[in-house]
């Protein structure tokens, strides 16, 4: 009975890890799609003010990438943990 309880606990932990991994992955994929759309807009700027606004958007993109690096590392750690748990 104790072994069955322990095995079930491991199964629940694995299921929780998979769920957390998928949630993080969904967030990162949505972030990537959003940034791809922004970059692919091919806006070159109508005037000086518009150009500076576009530059600010790109600077924000760069800072977002640094922040989301943490999320990528979290996903990598979860993926490694899932691989260690086996099939």
Protein backbone atom coordinates (compact mmCIF):
# COMPACT_ATOMS: atom_id res chain seq x y z
CA UNK A 1 0.00 0.00 0.00
CA UNK A 2 2.83 2.36 0.86
CA UNK A 3 4.57 1.66 -2.45
CA UNK A 4 1.35 2.31 -4.36
CA UNK A 5 0.86 5.60 -2.52
CA UNK A 6 4.44 6.62 -3.27
CA UNK A 7 4.06 5.71 -6.95
CA UNK A 8 0.81 7.65 -7.20
CA UNK A 9 2.50 10.66 -5.56
CA UNK A 10 5.29 10.53 -8.15
CA UNK A 11 2.71 10.30 -10.92
CA UNK A 12 0.89 13.35 -9.59
CA UNK A 13 4.16 15.28 -9.31
CA UNK A 14 5.03 14.38 -12.90
CA UNK A 15 1.58 15.49 -14.07
CA UNK A 16 2.01 18.78 -12.22
CA UNK A 17 5.44 19.29 -13.81
CA UNK A 18 4.02 18.62 -17.28
CA UNK A 19 1.18 21.07 -16.68
CA UNK A 20 3.58 23.76 -15.43
CA UNK A 21 5.90 23.15 -18.40
CA UNK A 22 3.02 23.48 -20.87
CA UNK A 23 1.76 26.68 -19.20
CA UNK A 24 5.20 28.30 -19.38
CA UNK A 25 5.61 27.15 -22.96
CA UNK A 26 2.22 28.61 -23.96
CA UNK A 27 3.20 31.97 -22.46
CA UNK A 28 6.54 32.02 -24.28
CA UNK A 29 4.95 31.01 -27.59
CA UNK A 30 2.34 33.79 -27.26
CA UNK A 31 5.11 36.28 -26.43
CA UNK A 32 7.10 35.16 -29.49
CA UNK A 33 4.07 35.48 -31.79
CA UNK A 34 3.39 38.97 -30.44
CA UNK A 35 6.99 40.09 -31.00
CA UNK A 36 7.14 38.50 -34.46
CA UNK A 37 4.07 40.47 -35.52
CA UNK A 38 5.64 43.67 -34.23
CA UNK A 39 8.94 43.07 -36.02
CA UNK A 40 7.29 41.97 -39.27
CA UNK A 41 5.14 45.11 -39.45
CA UNK A 42 7.86 46.67 -41.66
CA UNK A 43 7.16 50.14 -40.33
CA UNK A 44 9.89 52.60 -41.29
CA UNK A 45 8.46 55.73 -39.71
CA UNK A 46 6.61 58.63 -41.23
CA UNK A 47 8.46 61.38 -39.39
CA UNK A 48 10.96 61.92 -36.58
CA UNK A 49 8.43 61.35 -33.78
CA UNK A 50 7.17 58.15 -35.36
CA UNK A 51 10.76 56.91 -35.79
CA UNK A 52 11.59 57.59 -32.14
CA UNK A 53 8.40 55.76 -31.11
CA UNK A 54 9.48 52.77 -33.21
CA UNK A 55 12.93 52.88 -31.60
CA UNK A 56 11.31 52.82 -28.15
CA UNK A 57 9.29 49.77 -29.21
CA UNK A 58 12.48 48.01 -30.27
CA UNK A 59 14.18 48.97 -27.00
CA UNK A 60 11.20 47.53 -25.14
CA UNK A 61 11.53 44.38 -27.23
CA UNK A 62 15.18 44.09 -26.20
CA UNK A 63 14.36 44.53 -22.52
CA UNK A 64 11.47 42.06 -22.84
CA UNK A 65 13.91 39.51 -24.23
CA UNK A 66 16.13 39.90 -21.18
CA UNK A 67 13.18 39.49 -18.83
CA UNK A 68 11.82 36.50 -20.71
CA UNK A 69 15.22 34.83 -20.57
CA UNK A 70 14.19 33.89 -17.03
CA UNK A 71 11.09 32.14 -18.40
CA UNK A 72 13.19 30.29 -20.96
CA UNK A 73 15.53 29.08 -18.22
CA UNK A 74 12.51 27.94 -16.20
CA UNK A 75 11.23 25.97 -19.19
CA UNK A 76 14.66 24.42 -19.70
CA UNK A 77 14.82 23.37 -16.05
CA UNK A 78 11.34 21.86 -16.21
CA UNK A 79 12.20 20.03 -19.45
CA UNK A 80 15.33 18.62 -17.84
CA UNK A 81 13.31 17.51 -14.81
CA UNK A 82 10.73 15.83 -17.04
CA UNK A 83 13.46 14.01 -18.94
CA UNK A 84 14.95 12.79 -15.67
CA UNK A 85 11.54 11.44 -14.62
CA UNK A 86 11.45 9.22 -17.68
CA UNK A 87 8.63 8.27 -20.05
